[in-house]
């Protein structure tokens, strides 16, 4: 984890790669709970018997489940002290190049792409790439926007 004392120190790190999170296993229970929360019960996610005969050889996580892991993963990559708060401001350029098979392990790497002063604070753009262990293509690539509001 990269720890920055304040937004000034953060701004000096623009263009820096933040490293990688720990690996975590995506479970069928997580996928099922996500399906219940979103109402997306497509068989490739929740029907283990049918999915075993399907195009992926088993169930896969929802793309949006992979995306929903980003806030937790980001908190493993970066911490900025001296803030009143950090606010999720949105996303840019989200893509899901390859599926995440249930039971596989994923991690994210992050890079500080841009830091822009705004009236409220500093708007950060972080590029996050979610990898599946042993798979060459990423599962998710997104630019996460975080508004850092100084104390």
Protein backbone atom coordinates (compact mmCIF):
# COMPACT_ATOMS: atom_id res chain seq x y z
CA UNK A 1 0.00 0.00 0.00
CA UNK A 2 1.19 3.48 -0.87
CA UNK A 3 0.49 6.00 1.88
CA UNK A 4 0.47 9.70 1.11
CA UNK A 5 0.57 12.30 3.89
CA UNK A 6 -1.67 14.74 2.03
CA UNK A 7 -2.98 15.68 -1.42
CA UNK A 8 0.20 17.65 -2.21
CA UNK A 9 2.27 14.50 -1.77
CA UNK A 10 -0.31 12.56 -3.77
CA UNK A 11 -0.11 15.04 -6.65
CA UNK A 12 3.66 14.60 -6.78
CA UNK A 13 3.08 10.88 -7.45
CA UNK A 14 1.06 11.32 -10.64
CA UNK A 15 2.05 8.65 -13.16
CA UNK A 16 3.15 6.23 -10.43
CA UNK A 17 2.19 2.56 -10.36
CA UNK A 18 0.78 1.68 -6.93
CA UNK A 19 1.56 -2.01 -6.96
CA UNK A 20 -0.88 -4.90 -6.51
CA UNK A 21 -3.47 -6.08 -4.02
CA UNK A 22 -3.44 -9.48 -2.37
CA UNK A 23 -4.98 -12.35 -4.33
CA UNK A 24 -8.58 -13.19 -3.38
CA UNK A 25 -10.75 -16.14 -4.42
CA UNK A 26 -14.09 -15.48 -6.12
CA UNK A 27 -16.62 -17.90 -4.64
CA UNK A 28 -19.95 -19.21 -5.85
CA UNK A 29 -21.50 -17.78 -2.68
CA UNK A 30 -20.30 -14.27 -3.64
CA UNK A 31 -21.69 -14.72 -7.16
CA UNK A 32 -25.04 -15.95 -5.83
CA UNK A 33 -25.31 -13.07 -3.35
CA UNK A 34 -24.46 -10.61 -6.13
CA UNK A 35 -27.14 -12.21 -8.33
CA UNK A 36 -29.66 -11.80 -5.52
CA UNK A 37 -28.65 -8.17 -4.92
CA UNK A 38 -28.88 -7.22 -8.60
CA UNK A 39 -31.57 -9.58 -9.87
CA UNK A 40 -29.16 -10.94 -12.52
CA UNK A 41 -29.63 -14.71 -12.22
CA UNK A 42 -28.35 -15.64 -15.68
CA UNK A 43 -27.44 -19.32 -15.73
CA UNK A 44 -23.75 -18.74 -16.56
CA UNK A 45 -23.45 -17.20 -13.10
CA UNK A 46 -25.68 -19.28 -10.83
CA UNK A 47 -26.54 -22.66 -12.43
CA UNK A 48 -23.43 -24.74 -11.77
CA UNK A 49 -24.71 -27.86 -13.57
CA UNK A 50 -25.79 -26.05 -16.75
CA UNK A 51 -22.72 -23.78 -16.72
CA UNK A 52 -20.44 -26.84 -16.56
CA UNK A 53 -21.74 -27.71 -20.06
CA UNK A 54 -21.62 -24.08 -21.24
CA UNK A 55 -19.01 -22.03 -23.06
CA UNK A 56 -16.86 -21.33 -19.96
CA UNK A 57 -16.84 -24.84 -18.45
CA UNK A 58 -18.37 -23.59 -15.22
CA UNK A 59 -19.95 -20.56 -13.62
CA UNK A 60 -18.37 -17.16 -14.00
CA UNK A 61 -18.61 -14.00 -11.95
CA UNK A 62 -20.70 -11.12 -13.23
CA UNK A 63 -18.59 -8.42 -14.85
CA UNK A 64 -20.19 -5.93 -12.50
CA UNK A 65 -19.16 -8.11 -9.55
CA UNK A 66 -15.55 -7.73 -10.67
CA UNK A 67 -16.13 -3.99 -10.93
CA UNK A 68 -17.72 -3.86 -7.47
CA UNK A 69 -14.51 -5.23 -5.94
CA UNK A 70 -12.60 -2.10 -6.98
CA UNK A 71 -13.33 0.09 -3.93
CA UNK A 72 -12.03 -2.61 -1.56
CA UNK A 73 -9.07 -3.31 -3.80
CA UNK A 74 -8.29 0.41 -4.10
CA UNK A 75 -8.19 0.66 -0.31
CA UNK A 76 -5.42 -1.98 -0.37
CA UNK A 77 -3.42 0.06 -2.88
CA UNK A 78 -3.58 3.64 -1.68
CA UNK A 79 -4.27 5.74 1.40
CA UNK A 80 -4.24 9.52 1.52
CA UNK A 81 -4.03 11.08 4.97
CA UNK A 82 -5.06 14.62 5.83
CA UNK A 83 -8.46 14.31 4.17
CA UNK A 84 -11.92 15.29 5.31
CA UNK A 85 -13.05 12.46 3.01
CA UNK A 86 -12.57 10.69 -0.28
CA UNK A 87 -15.63 10.32 -2.49
CA UNK A 88 -16.30 7.83 -5.25
CA UNK A 89 -16.84 10.19 -8.19
CA UNK A 90 -17.42 7.67 -10.97
CA UNK A 91 -15.72 5.58 -13.62
CA UNK A 92 -14.27 5.96 -17.09
CA UNK A 93 -13.57 3.38 -19.80
CA UNK A 94 -14.76 0.20 -18.08
CA UNK A 95 -14.06 -3.03 -19.98
CA UNK A 96 -14.36 -6.75 -19.17
CA UNK A 97 -11.87 -8.45 -21.57
CA UNK A 98 -12.04 -11.95 -20.05
CA UNK A 99 -14.39 -13.81 -17.68
CA UNK A 100 -13.64 -14.62 -14.04
CA UNK A 101 -14.31 -18.33 -13.42
CA UNK A 102 -15.78 -19.06 -10.00
CA UNK A 103 -13.03 -20.45 -7.80
CA UNK A 104 -10.30 -18.44 -9.49
CA UNK A 105 -8.12 -15.89 -7.74
CA UNK A 106 -8.07 -12.22 -8.70
CA UNK A 107 -6.03 -9.18 -7.77
CA UNK A 108 -5.79 -5.60 -8.95
CA UNK A 109 -2.93 -3.37 -9.92
CA UNK A 110 -3.30 0.39 -9.92
CA UNK A 111 -1.73 3.47 -11.44
CA UNK A 112 -2.30 7.16 -10.73
CA UNK A 113 -3.19 8.54 -14.17
CA UNK A 114 -4.24 12.08 -13.35
CA UNK A 115 -4.79 14.47 -10.45
CA UNK A 116 -6.71 17.66 -11.16
CA UNK A 117 -7.51 20.50 -8.78
CA UNK A 118 -11.22 21.27 -8.48
CA UNK A 119 -13.23 23.68 -6.33
CA UNK A 120 -13.96 20.80 -3.91
CA UNK A 121 -10.50 19.21 -3.78
CA UNK A 122 -8.38 17.02 -6.04
CA UNK A 123 -10.02 14.72 -8.58
CA UNK A 124 -7.91 11.61 -9.01
CA UNK A 125 -8.11 9.20 -11.93
CA UNK A 126 -6.74 5.77 -11.08
CA UNK A 127 -6.34 3.07 -13.69
CA UNK A 128 -7.19 -0.30 -12.14
CA UNK A 129 -6.57 -3.63 -13.82
CA UNK A 130 -8.12 -6.76 -12.32
CA UNK A 131 -6.15 -9.89 -13.18
CA UNK A 132 -7.16 -13.53 -12.99
CA UNK A 133 -4.31 -15.69 -11.74
CA UNK A 134 -2.71 -17.55 -14.66
CA UNK A 135 -4.75 -15.75 -17.36
CA UNK A 136 -2.92 -13.37 -19.72
CA UNK A 137 -5.86 -11.03 -20.42
CA UNK A 138 -7.29 -8.88 -17.62
CA UNK A 139 -10.79 -9.47 -16.27
CA UNK A 140 -11.57 -5.79 -15.78
CA UNK A 141 -9.90 -2.54 -16.76
CA UNK A 142 -11.37 0.68 -15.43
CA UNK A 143 -10.51 4.23 -14.59
CA UNK A 144 -11.84 4.99 -11.12
CA UNK A 145 -12.46 8.62 -10.22
CA UNK A 146 -11.97 9.65 -6.60
CA UNK A 147 -12.52 13.15 -5.26
CA UNK A 148 -10.03 13.80 -2.47
CA UNK A 149 -11.33 16.53 -0.16
CA UNK A 150 -8.63 17.97 2.13
CA UNK A 151 -9.36 18.43 5.83
